[in-house]
Amino acid sequence: RNAQLQAISCTKRNFLSNNQFSGNIPADQFADMWLLKKVWLSQNKFSGPIPASLASSCPRLMELRLEQNQFTGEIPDFGKTKLTMFNVSYNELEGNIPQNLENMNASSFE
């Protein structure tokens, strides 16, 4: 199945873990979701880069769980972040951990 997430600007939580979703998520997928606090997309088959709009357009984001997918590339810079839960382990990511995420548990980056 191809990944097609419908952006709804009033969405606060997006729990889609443990499915068989696959494919790239567009970079601007989360651009209009400024109220978003929790995104759980773990244990799917998403690929390509982590959508940049998660870092640039979701100022209230507190939980981001992307573990056990097939994301590639680097982890975006989340700038000043409210993230309290962050996990991108078991993907195909490369590069340095952004400085503002260095306080997260090391297992979040395995």
PDB file of N, CA and C in Angstrom:
ATOM      1  N   ARG A   1       0.835  -1.191   0.000  1.00  0.00           N
ATOM      2  CA  ARG A   1       0.000   0.000   0.000  1.00  0.00           C
ATOM      3  C   ARG A   1       0.868   1.238   0.000  1.00  0.00           C
ATOM      4  N   ASN A   2       0.465   2.207  -0.739  1.00  0.00           N
ATOM      5  CA  ASN A   2       1.225   3.446  -0.827  1.00  0.00           C
ATOM      6  C   ASN A   2       0.815   4.387   0.297  1.00  0.00           C
ATOM      7  N   ALA A   3       1.769   5.152   0.802  1.00  0.00           N
ATOM      8  CA  ALA A   3       1.512   6.080   1.906  1.00  0.00           C
ATOM      9  C   ALA A   3       0.807   7.321   1.392  1.00  0.00           C
ATOM     10  N   GLN A   4      -0.409   7.529   1.831  1.00  0.00           N
ATOM     11  CA  GLN A   4      -1.118   8.756   1.509  1.00  0.00           C
ATOM     12  C   GLN A   4      -1.843   9.207   2.764  1.00  0.00           C
ATOM     13  N   LEU A   5      -1.228  10.127   3.472  1.00  0.00           N
ATOM     14  CA  LEU A   5      -1.800  10.654   4.696  1.00  0.00           C
ATOM     15  C   LEU A   5      -2.487  11.965   4.358  1.00  0.00           C
ATOM     16  N   GLN A   6      -3.721  12.089   4.724  1.00  0.00           N
ATOM     17  CA  GLN A   6      -4.462  13.315   4.429  1.00  0.00           C
ATOM     18  C   GLN A   6      -4.172  14.350   5.507  1.00  0.00           C
ATOM     19  N   ALA A   7      -3.683  15.486   5.122  1.00  0.00           N
ATOM     20  CA  ALA A   7      -3.395  16.566   6.066  1.00  0.00           C
ATOM     21  C   ALA A   7      -4.698  17.211   6.505  1.00  0.00           C
ATOM     22  N   ILE A   8      -4.921  17.231   7.791  1.00  0.00           N
ATOM     23  CA  ILE A   8      -6.084  17.880   8.378  1.00  0.00           C
ATOM     24  C   ILE A   8      -5.534  18.851   9.410  1.00  0.00           C
ATOM     25  N   SER A   9      -5.747  20.130   9.201  1.00  0.00           N
ATOM     26  CA  SER A   9      -5.069  21.142  10.012  1.00  0.00           C
ATOM     27  C   SER A   9      -5.408  21.072  11.488  1.00  0.00           C
ATOM     28  N   CYS A  10      -6.541  20.543  11.874  1.00  0.00           N
ATOM     29  CA  CYS A  10      -6.914  20.510  13.289  1.00  0.00           C
ATOM     30  C   CYS A  10      -6.470  19.226  13.985  1.00  0.00           C
ATOM     31  N   THR A  11      -5.782  18.338  13.283  1.00  0.00           N
ATOM     32  CA  THR A  11      -5.333  17.084  13.874  1.00  0.00           C
ATOM     33  C   THR A  11      -4.295  17.350  14.966  1.00  0.00           C
ATOM     34  N   LYS A  12      -4.467  16.675  16.117  1.00  0.00           N
ATOM     35  CA  LYS A  12      -3.508  16.789  17.216  1.00  0.00           C
ATOM     36  C   LYS A  12      -2.692  15.517  17.393  1.00  0.00           C
ATOM     37  N   ARG A  13      -3.262  14.381  16.986  1.00  0.00           N
ATOM     38  CA  ARG A  13      -2.585  13.096  17.159  1.00  0.00           C
ATOM     39  C   ARG A  13      -2.739  12.279  15.884  1.00  0.00           C
ATOM     40  N   ASN A  14      -1.666  11.567  15.538  1.00  0.00           N
ATOM     41  CA  ASN A  14      -1.664  10.745  14.343  1.00  0.00           C
ATOM     42  C   ASN A  14      -1.035   9.406  14.731  1.00  0.00           C
ATOM     43  N   PHE A  15      -1.867   8.421  15.058  1.00  0.00           N
ATOM     44  CA  PHE A  15      -1.395   7.104  15.481  1.00  0.00           C
ATOM     45  C   PHE A  15      -1.636   6.094  14.356  1.00  0.00           C
ATOM     46  N   LEU A  16      -0.594   5.770  13.612  1.00  0.00           N
ATOM     47  CA  LEU A  16      -0.713   4.838  12.490  1.00  0.00           C
ATOM     48  C   LEU A  16       0.357   3.753  12.544  1.00  0.00           C
ATOM     49  N   SER A  17       0.790   3.381  13.731  1.00  0.00           N
ATOM     50  CA  SER A  17       1.818   2.354  13.887  1.00  0.00           C
ATOM     51  C   SER A  17       1.253   0.967  13.615  1.00  0.00           C
ATOM     52  N   ASN A  18       2.164   0.042  13.329  1.00  0.00           N
ATOM     53  CA  ASN A  18       1.837  -1.378  13.185  1.00  0.00           C
ATOM     54  C   ASN A  18       0.862  -1.661  12.053  1.00  0.00           C
ATOM     55  N   ASN A  19       1.106  -1.067  10.919  1.00  0.00           N
ATOM     56  CA  ASN A  19       0.324  -1.331   9.722  1.00  0.00           C
ATOM     57  C   ASN A  19       1.285  -1.791   8.637  1.00  0.00           C
ATOM     58  N   GLN A  20       0.825  -1.893   7.458  1.00  0.00           N
ATOM     59  CA  GLN A  20       1.689  -2.258   6.336  1.00  0.00           C
ATOM     60  C   GLN A  20       1.829  -1.086   5.371  1.00  0.00           C
ATOM     61  N   PHE A  21       1.747   0.146   5.898  1.00  0.00           N
ATOM     62  CA  PHE A  21       1.881   1.325   5.044  1.00  0.00           C
ATOM     63  C   PHE A  21       3.288   1.378   4.470  1.00  0.00           C
ATOM     64  N   SER A  22       3.397   1.812   3.226  1.00  0.00           N
ATOM     65  CA  SER A  22       4.705   1.858   2.578  1.00  0.00           C
ATOM     66  C   SER A  22       4.793   3.064   1.646  1.00  0.00           C
ATOM     67  N   GLY A  23       5.997   3.332   1.202  1.00  0.00           N
ATOM     68  CA  GLY A  23       6.234   4.410   0.257  1.00  0.00           C
ATOM     69  C   GLY A  23       6.799   5.648   0.916  1.00  0.00           C
ATOM     70  N   ASN A  24       7.101   6.628   0.082  1.00  0.00           N
ATOM     71  CA  ASN A  24       7.629   7.903   0.559  1.00  0.00           C
ATOM     72  C   ASN A  24       6.497   8.766   1.073  1.00  0.00           C
ATOM     73  N   ILE A  25       6.780   9.541   2.092  1.00  0.00           N
ATOM     74  CA  ILE A  25       5.845  10.542   2.588  1.00  0.00           C
ATOM     75  C   ILE A  25       6.351  11.884   2.056  1.00  0.00           C
ATOM     76  N   PRO A  26       5.504  12.655   1.362  1.00  0.00           N
ATOM     77  CA  PRO A  26       5.953  13.938   0.801  1.00  0.00           C
ATOM     78  C   PRO A  26       6.538  14.861   1.872  1.00  0.00           C
ATOM     79  N   ALA A  27       7.549  15.627   1.495  1.00  0.00           N
ATOM     80  CA  ALA A  27       8.244  16.526   2.427  1.00  0.00           C
ATOM     81  C   ALA A  27       7.292  17.500   3.106  1.00  0.00           C
ATOM     82  N   ASP A  28       6.245  17.929   2.402  1.00  0.00           N
ATOM     83  CA  ASP A  28       5.309  18.920   2.947  1.00  0.00           C
ATOM     84  C   ASP A  28       4.030  18.306   3.520  1.00  0.00           C
ATOM     85  N   GLN A  29       4.032  17.006   3.738  1.00  0.00           N
ATOM     86  CA  GLN A  29       2.829  16.301   4.210  1.00  0.00           C
ATOM     87  C   GLN A  29       2.239  16.901   5.483  1.00  0.00           C
ATOM     88  N   PHE A  30       3.077  17.378   6.380  1.00  0.00           N
ATOM     89  CA  PHE A  30       2.613  17.871   7.679  1.00  0.00           C
ATOM     90  C   PHE A  30       2.619  19.401   7.747  1.00  0.00           C
ATOM     91  N   ALA A  31       2.705  20.057   6.602  1.00  0.00           N
ATOM     92  CA  ALA A  31       2.861  21.513   6.544  1.00  0.00           C
ATOM     93  C   ALA A  31       1.712  22.282   7.184  1.00  0.00           C
ATOM     94  N   ASP A  32       0.503  21.821   7.080  1.00  0.00           N
ATOM     95  CA  ASP A  32      -0.644  22.548   7.629  1.00  0.00           C
ATOM     96  C   ASP A  32      -1.127  21.987   8.968  1.00  0.00           C
ATOM     97  N   MET A  33      -0.334  21.143   9.573  1.00  0.00           N
ATOM     98  CA  MET A  33      -0.765  20.468  10.798  1.00  0.00           C
ATOM     99  C   MET A  33      -0.080  21.073  12.022  1.00  0.00           C
ATOM    100  N   TRP A  34      -0.247  22.372  12.221  1.00  0.00           N
ATOM    101  CA  TRP A  34       0.470  23.104  13.263  1.00  0.00           C
ATOM    102  C   TRP A  34       0.005  22.768  14.683  1.00  0.00           C
ATOM    103  N   LEU A  35      -1.128  22.109  14.857  1.00  0.00           N
ATOM    104  CA  LEU A  35      -1.599  21.694  16.188  1.00  0.00           C
ATOM    105  C   LEU A  35      -1.082  20.313  16.583  1.00  0.00           C
ATOM    106  N   LEU A  36      -0.417  19.649  15.660  1.00  0.00           N
ATOM    107  CA  LEU A  36       0.014  18.272  15.865  1.00  0.00           C
ATOM    108  C   LEU A  36       0.959  18.137  17.055  1.00  0.00           C
ATOM    109  N   LYS A  37       0.628  17.205  17.968  1.00  0.00           N
ATOM    110  CA  LYS A  37       1.458  16.958  19.146  1.00  0.00           C
ATOM    111  C   LYS A  37       2.096  15.572  19.134  1.00  0.00           C
ATOM    112  N   LYS A  38       1.423  14.599  18.531  1.00  0.00           N
ATOM    113  CA  LYS A  38       1.924  13.222  18.558  1.00  0.00           C
ATOM    114  C   LYS A  38       1.813  12.591  17.180  1.00  0.00           C
ATOM    115  N   VAL A  39       2.930  12.024  16.711  1.00  0.00           N
ATOM    116  CA  VAL A  39       2.955  11.296  15.443  1.00  0.00           C
ATOM    117  C   VAL A  39       3.623   9.959  15.698  1.00  0.00           C
ATOM    118  N   TRP A  40       2.862   8.907  15.545  1.00  0.00           N
ATOM    119  CA  TRP A  40       3.379   7.546  15.685  1.00  0.00           C
ATOM    120  C   TRP A  40       3.179   6.835  14.359  1.00  0.00           C
ATOM    121  N   LEU A  41       4.265   6.628  13.636  1.00  0.00           N
ATOM    122  CA  LEU A  41       4.238   5.931  12.353  1.00  0.00           C
ATOM    123  C   LEU A  41       5.151   4.707  12.379  1.00  0.00           C
ATOM    124  N   SER A  42       5.472   4.228  13.552  1.00  0.00           N
ATOM    125  CA  SER A  42       6.429   3.136  13.701  1.00  0.00           C
ATOM    126  C   SER A  42       5.891   1.817  13.161  1.00  0.00           C
ATOM    127  N   GLN A  43       6.810   0.933  12.880  1.00  0.00           N
ATOM    128  CA  GLN A  43       6.534  -0.430  12.428  1.00  0.00           C
ATOM    129  C   GLN A  43       5.650  -0.467  11.186  1.00  0.00           C
ATOM    130  N   ASN A  44       6.074   0.285  10.191  1.00  0.00           N
ATOM    131  CA  ASN A  44       5.472   0.254   8.871  1.00  0.00           C
ATOM    132  C   ASN A  44       6.595   0.004   7.869  1.00  0.00           C
ATOM    133  N   LYS A  45       6.388   0.401   6.648  1.00  0.00           N
ATOM    134  CA  LYS A  45       7.415   0.238   5.621  1.00  0.00           C
ATOM    135  C   LYS A  45       7.617   1.553   4.875  1.00  0.00           C
ATOM    136  N   PHE A  46       7.526   2.671   5.598  1.00  0.00           N
ATOM    137  CA  PHE A  46       7.752   3.972   4.976  1.00  0.00           C
ATOM    138  C   PHE A  46       9.209   4.070   4.554  1.00  0.00           C
ATOM    139  N   SER A  47       9.453   4.754   3.440  1.00  0.00           N
ATOM    140  CA  SER A  47      10.816   4.896   2.921  1.00  0.00           C
ATOM    141  C   SER A  47      11.055   6.344   2.513  1.00  0.00           C
ATOM    142  N   GLY A  48      12.263   6.616   2.028  1.00  0.00           N
ATOM    143  CA  GLY A  48      12.625   7.976   1.657  1.00  0.00           C
ATOM    144  C   GLY A  48      12.983   8.784   2.888  1.00  0.00           C
ATOM    145  N   PRO A  49      13.190  10.077   2.703  1.00  0.00           N
ATOM    146  CA  PRO A  49      13.592  10.920   3.833  1.00  0.00           C
ATOM    147  C   PRO A  49      12.440  11.158   4.819  1.00  0.00           C
ATOM    148  N   ILE A  50      12.808  11.458   6.046  1.00  0.00           N
ATOM    149  CA  ILE A  50      11.818  11.887   7.040  1.00  0.00           C
ATOM    150  C   ILE A  50      11.242  13.209   6.536  1.00  0.00           C
ATOM    151  N   PRO A  51       9.917  13.349   6.488  1.00  0.00           N
ATOM    152  CA  PRO A  51       9.327  14.589   5.957  1.00  0.00           C
ATOM    153  C   PRO A  51       9.829  15.827   6.697  1.00  0.00           C
ATOM    154  N   ALA A  52      10.402  16.758   5.961  1.00  0.00           N
ATOM    155  CA  ALA A  52      10.963  17.978   6.543  1.00  0.00           C
ATOM    156  C   ALA A  52       9.908  18.788   7.286  1.00  0.00           C
ATOM    157  N   SER A  53       8.658  18.704   6.860  1.00  0.00           N
ATOM    158  CA  SER A  53       7.597  19.488   7.501  1.00  0.00           C
ATOM    159  C   SER A  53       7.339  19.052   8.940  1.00  0.00           C
ATOM    160  N   LEU A  54       7.737  17.837   9.320  1.00  0.00           N
ATOM    161  CA  LEU A  54       7.621  17.446  10.727  1.00  0.00           C
ATOM    162  C   LEU A  54       8.495  18.338  11.600  1.00  0.00           C
ATOM    163  N   ALA A  55       9.653  18.719  11.079  1.00  0.00           N
ATOM    164  CA  ALA A  55      10.571  19.564  11.835  1.00  0.00           C
ATOM    165  C   ALA A  55      10.254  21.039  11.692  1.00  0.00           C
ATOM    166  N   SER A  56       9.748  21.442  10.534  1.00  0.00           N
ATOM    167  CA  SER A  56       9.592  22.872  10.266  1.00  0.00           C
ATOM    168  C   SER A  56       8.188  23.421  10.496  1.00  0.00           C
ATOM    169  N   SER A  57       7.178  22.565  10.520  1.00  0.00           N
ATOM    170  CA  SER A  57       5.798  23.059  10.549  1.00  0.00           C
ATOM    171  C   SER A  57       4.963  22.574  11.720  1.00  0.00           C
ATOM    172  N   CYS A  58       5.579  21.885  12.654  1.00  0.00           N
ATOM    173  CA  CYS A  58       4.837  21.320  13.788  1.00  0.00           C
ATOM    174  C   CYS A  58       5.448  21.801  15.112  1.00  0.00           C
ATOM    175  N   PRO A  59       5.247  23.070  15.468  1.00  0.00           N
ATOM    176  CA  PRO A  59       5.911  23.632  16.648  1.00  0.00           C
ATOM    177  C   PRO A  59       5.473  23.015  17.971  1.00  0.00           C
ATOM    178  N   ARG A  60       4.354  22.328  18.001  1.00  0.00           N
ATOM    179  CA  ARG A  60       3.848  21.727  19.244  1.00  0.00           C
ATOM    180  C   ARG A  60       4.170  20.240  19.363  1.00  0.00           C
ATOM    181  N   LEU A  61       4.901  19.702  18.396  1.00  0.00           N
ATOM    182  CA  LEU A  61       5.187  18.272  18.367  1.00  0.00           C
ATOM    183  C   LEU A  61       5.942  17.846  19.630  1.00  0.00           C
ATOM    184  N   MET A  62       5.377  16.875  20.337  1.00  0.00           N
ATOM    185  CA  MET A  62       5.975  16.373  21.571  1.00  0.00           C
ATOM    186  C   MET A  62       6.454  14.926  21.442  1.00  0.00           C
ATOM    187  N   GLU A  63       5.783  14.143  20.616  1.00  0.00           N
ATOM    188  CA  GLU A  63       6.134  12.732  20.446  1.00  0.00           C
ATOM    189  C   GLU A  63       6.237  12.399  18.966  1.00  0.00           C
ATOM    190  N   LEU A  64       7.387  11.829  18.590  1.00  0.00           N
ATOM    191  CA  LEU A  64       7.609  11.405  17.212  1.00  0.00           C
ATOM    192  C   LEU A  64       8.218  10.020  17.226  1.00  0.00           C
ATOM    193  N   ARG A  65       7.451   9.047  16.771  1.00  0.00           N
ATOM    194  CA  ARG A  65       7.907   7.653  16.746  1.00  0.00           C
ATOM    195  C   ARG A  65       7.898   7.168  15.307  1.00  0.00           C
ATOM    196  N   LEU A  66       9.093   7.011  14.754  1.00  0.00           N
ATOM    197  CA  LEU A  66       9.270   6.575  13.372  1.00  0.00           C
ATOM    198  C   LEU A  66      10.083   5.282  13.290  1.00  0.00           C
ATOM    199  N   GLU A  67      10.293   4.627  14.404  1.00  0.00           N
ATOM    200  CA  GLU A  67      11.158   3.451  14.429  1.00  0.00           C
ATOM    201  C   GLU A  67      10.592   2.304  13.585  1.00  0.00           C
ATOM    202  N   GLN A  68      11.504   1.462  13.142  1.00  0.00           N
ATOM    203  CA  GLN A  68      11.204   0.257  12.374  1.00  0.00           C
ATOM    204  C   GLN A  68      10.456   0.556  11.079  1.00  0.00           C
ATOM    205  N   ASN A  69      11.047   1.429  10.284  1.00  0.00           N
ATOM    206  CA  ASN A  69      10.606   1.710   8.933  1.00  0.00           C
ATOM    207  C   ASN A  69      11.817   1.576   8.025  1.00  0.00           C
ATOM    208  N   GLN A  70      11.801   2.237   6.905  1.00  0.00           N
ATOM    209  CA  GLN A  70      12.929   2.204   5.975  1.00  0.00           C
ATOM    210  C   GLN A  70      13.317   3.620   5.557  1.00  0.00           C
ATOM    211  N   PHE A  71      13.178   4.583   6.488  1.00  0.00           N
ATOM    212  CA  PHE A  71      13.541   5.963   6.184  1.00  0.00           C
ATOM    213  C   PHE A  71      15.034   6.052   5.894  1.00  0.00           C
ATOM    214  N   THR A  72      15.397   6.946   4.979  1.00  0.00           N
ATOM    215  CA  THR A  72      16.792   7.127   4.579  1.00  0.00           C
ATOM    216  C   THR A  72      17.177   8.598   4.719  1.00  0.00           C
ATOM    217  N   GLY A  73      18.462   8.871   4.586  1.00  0.00           N
ATOM    218  CA  GLY A  73      18.952  10.243   4.648  1.00  0.00           C
ATOM    219  C   GLY A  73      19.273  10.654   6.070  1.00  0.00           C
ATOM    220  N   GLU A  74      19.251  11.953   6.289  1.00  0.00           N
ATOM    221  CA  GLU A  74      19.615  12.506   7.597  1.00  0.00           C
ATOM    222  C   GLU A  74      18.378  12.865   8.406  1.00  0.00           C
ATOM    223  N   ILE A  75      18.557  12.958   9.713  1.00  0.00           N
ATOM    224  CA  ILE A  75      17.492  13.407  10.606  1.00  0.00           C
ATOM    225  C   ILE A  75      17.382  14.921  10.466  1.00  0.00           C
ATOM    226  N   PRO A  76      16.178  15.445  10.204  1.00  0.00           N
ATOM    227  CA  PRO A  76      16.043  16.897  10.061  1.00  0.00           C
ATOM    228  C   PRO A  76      16.356  17.633  11.361  1.00  0.00           C
ATOM    229  N   ASP A  77      16.722  18.878  11.243  1.00  0.00           N
ATOM    230  CA  ASP A  77      16.974  19.726  12.408  1.00  0.00           C
ATOM    231  C   ASP A  77      15.634  20.246  12.919  1.00  0.00           C
ATOM    232  N   PHE A  78      15.307  19.923  14.150  1.00  0.00           N
ATOM    233  CA  PHE A  78      14.032  20.322  14.736  1.00  0.00           C
ATOM    234  C   PHE A  78      14.106  21.677  15.435  1.00  0.00           C
ATOM    235  N   GLY A  79      15.257  22.344  15.364  1.00  0.00           N
ATOM    236  CA  GLY A  79      15.380  23.663  15.994  1.00  0.00           C
ATOM    237  C   GLY A  79      15.019  23.586  17.473  1.00  0.00           C
ATOM    238  N   LYS A  80      14.390  24.632  17.974  1.00  0.00           N
ATOM    239  CA  LYS A  80      13.889  24.581  19.350  1.00  0.00           C
ATOM    240  C   LYS A  80      12.734  23.604  19.357  1.00  0.00           C
ATOM    241  N   THR A  81      12.845  22.605  20.167  1.00  0.00           N
ATOM    242  CA  THR A  81      11.857  21.533  20.121  1.00  0.00           C
ATOM    243  C   THR A  81      11.215  21.279  21.474  1.00  0.00           C
ATOM    244  N   LYS A  82       9.974  20.826  21.439  1.00  0.00           N
ATOM    245  CA  LYS A  82       9.258  20.401  22.640  1.00  0.00           C
ATOM    246  C   LYS A  82       9.229  18.881  22.738  1.00  0.00           C
ATOM    247  N   LEU A  83       9.983  18.214  21.880  1.00  0.00           N
ATOM    248  CA  LEU A  83       9.948  16.754  21.852  1.00  0.00           C
ATOM    249  C   LEU A  83      10.362  16.151  23.187  1.00  0.00           C
ATOM    250  N   THR A  84       9.518  15.278  23.709  1.00  0.00           N
ATOM    251  CA  THR A  84       9.835  14.526  24.916  1.00  0.00           C
ATOM    252  C   THR A  84      10.020  13.049  24.596  1.00  0.00           C
ATOM    253  N   MET A  85       9.482  12.613  23.467  1.00  0.00           N
ATOM    254  CA  MET A  85       9.654  11.245  22.991  1.00  0.00           C
ATOM    255  C   MET A  85      10.048  11.324  21.526  1.00  0.00           C
ATOM    256  N   PHE A  86      11.152  10.660  21.186  1.00  0.00           N
ATOM    257  CA  PHE A  86      11.663  10.688  19.827  1.00  0.00           C
ATOM    258  C   PHE A  86      12.342   9.364  19.556  1.00  0.00           C
ATOM    259  N   ASN A  87      11.931   8.667  18.488  1.00  0.00           N
ATOM    260  CA  ASN A  87      12.572   7.395  18.161  1.00  0.00           C
ATOM    261  C   ASN A  87      12.605   7.210  16.655  1.00  0.00           C
ATOM    262  N   VAL A  88      13.806   7.080  16.117  1.00  0.00           N
ATOM    263  CA  VAL A  88      14.008   6.804  14.695  1.00  0.00           C
ATOM    264  C   VAL A  88      14.868   5.553  14.513  1.00  0.00           C
ATOM    265  N   SER A  89      14.919   4.711  15.529  1.00  0.00           N
ATOM    266  CA  SER A  89      15.761   3.516  15.472  1.00  0.00           C
ATOM    267  C   SER A  89      15.259   2.539  14.409  1.00  0.00           C
ATOM    268  N   TYR A  90      16.174   1.712  13.953  1.00  0.00           N
ATOM    269  CA  TYR A  90      15.880   0.667  12.978  1.00  0.00           C
ATOM    270  C   TYR A  90      15.306   1.222  11.679  1.00  0.00           C
ATOM    271  N   ASN A  91      15.983   2.229  11.162  1.00  0.00           N
ATOM    272  CA  ASN A  91      15.757   2.778   9.840  1.00  0.00           C
ATOM    273  C   ASN A  91      17.094   2.733   9.116  1.00  0.00           C
ATOM    274  N   GLU A  92      17.206   3.387   8.015  1.00  0.00           N
ATOM    275  CA  GLU A  92      18.455   3.416   7.247  1.00  0.00           C
ATOM    276  C   GLU A  92      19.005   4.837   7.204  1.00  0.00           C
ATOM    277  N   LEU A  93      18.957   5.514   8.343  1.00  0.00           N
ATOM    278  CA  LEU A  93      19.389   6.912   8.431  1.00  0.00           C
ATOM    279  C   LEU A  93      20.901   7.008   8.543  1.00  0.00           C
ATOM    280  N   GLU A  94      21.428   8.164   8.167  1.00  0.00           N
ATOM    281  CA  GLU A  94      22.870   8.390   8.242  1.00  0.00           C
ATOM    282  C   GLU A  94      23.125   9.829   8.667  1.00  0.00           C
ATOM    283  N   GLY A  95      24.370  10.133   8.936  1.00  0.00           N
ATOM    284  CA  GLY A  95      24.733  11.493   9.329  1.00  0.00           C
ATOM    285  C   GLY A  95      24.714  11.664  10.833  1.00  0.00           C
ATOM    286  N   ASN A  96      24.948  12.893  11.247  1.00  0.00           N
ATOM    287  CA  ASN A  96      25.027  13.214  12.671  1.00  0.00           C
ATOM    288  C   ASN A  96      23.646  13.394  13.282  1.00  0.00           C
ATOM    289  N   ILE A  97      23.585  13.185  14.578  1.00  0.00           N
ATOM    290  CA  ILE A  97      22.364  13.473  15.333  1.00  0.00           C
ATOM    291  C   ILE A  97      22.326  14.980  15.549  1.00  0.00           C
ATOM    292  N   PRO A  98      21.226  15.647  15.178  1.00  0.00           N
ATOM    293  CA  PRO A  98      21.150  17.095  15.407  1.00  0.00           C
ATOM    294  C   PRO A  98      21.368  17.428  16.885  1.00  0.00           C
ATOM    295  N   GLN A  99      22.055  18.518  17.130  1.00  0.00           N
ATOM    296  CA  GLN A  99      22.443  18.907  18.482  1.00  0.00           C
ATOM    297  C   GLN A  99      21.253  18.983  19.433  1.00  0.00           C
ATOM    298  N   ASN A 100      20.121  19.465  18.972  1.00  0.00           N
ATOM    299  CA  ASN A 100      18.972  19.616  19.859  1.00  0.00           C
ATOM    300  C   ASN A 100      18.297  18.288  20.196  1.00  0.00           C
ATOM    301  N   LEU A 101      18.757  17.181  19.603  1.00  0.00           N
ATOM    302  CA  LEU A 101      18.211  15.859  19.923  1.00  0.00           C
ATOM    303  C   LEU A 101      19.216  14.990  20.669  1.00  0.00           C
ATOM    304  N   GLU A 102      20.387  15.524  20.955  1.00  0.00           N
ATOM    305  CA  GLU A 102      21.419  14.742  21.613  1.00  0.00           C
ATOM    306  C   GLU A 102      21.053  14.307  23.019  1.00  0.00           C
ATOM    307  N   ASN A 103      20.064  14.962  23.634  1.00  0.00           N
ATOM    308  CA  ASN A 103      19.672  14.579  24.993  1.00  0.00           C
ATOM    309  C   ASN A 103      18.704  13.387  24.995  1.00  0.00           C
ATOM    310  N   MET A 104      18.240  12.970  23.826  1.00  0.00           N
ATOM    311  CA  MET A 104      17.346  11.809  23.747  1.00  0.00           C
ATOM    312  C   MET A 104      18.140  10.542  24.024  1.00  0.00           C
ATOM    313  N   ASN A 105      17.445   9.514  24.458  1.00  0.00           N
ATOM    314  CA  ASN A 105      18.060   8.238  24.762  1.00  0.00           C
ATOM    315  C   ASN A 105      18.801   7.697  23.528  1.00  0.00           C
ATOM    316  N   ALA A 106      19.985   7.180  23.721  1.00  0.00           N
ATOM    317  CA  ALA A 106      20.796   6.680  22.613  1.00  0.00           C
ATOM    318  C   ALA A 106      20.085   5.578  21.839  1.00  0.00           C
ATOM    319  N   SER A 107      19.230   4.798  22.500  1.00  0.00           N
ATOM    320  CA  SER A 107      18.503   3.722  21.813  1.00  0.00           C
ATOM    321  C   SER A 107      17.510   4.260  20.781  1.00  0.00           C
ATOM    322  N   SER A 108      17.214   5.546  20.831  1.00  0.00           N
ATOM    323  CA  SER A 108      16.308   6.160  19.863  1.00  0.00           C
ATOM    324  C   SER A 108      16.936   6.287  18.478  1.00  0.00           C
ATOM    325  N   PHE A 109      18.243   6.021  18.385  1.00  0.00           N
ATOM    326  CA  PHE A 109      18.968   6.226  17.134  1.00  0.00           C
ATOM    327  C   PHE A 109      19.651   4.949  16.622  1.00  0.00           C
ATOM    328  N   GLU A 110      19.362   3.814  17.196  1.00  0.00           N
ATOM    329  CA  GLU A 110      20.037   2.555  16.813  1.00  0.00           C
ATOM    330  C   GLU A 110      19.788   2.199  15.375  1.00  0.00           C
TER     331      GLU A 110
END
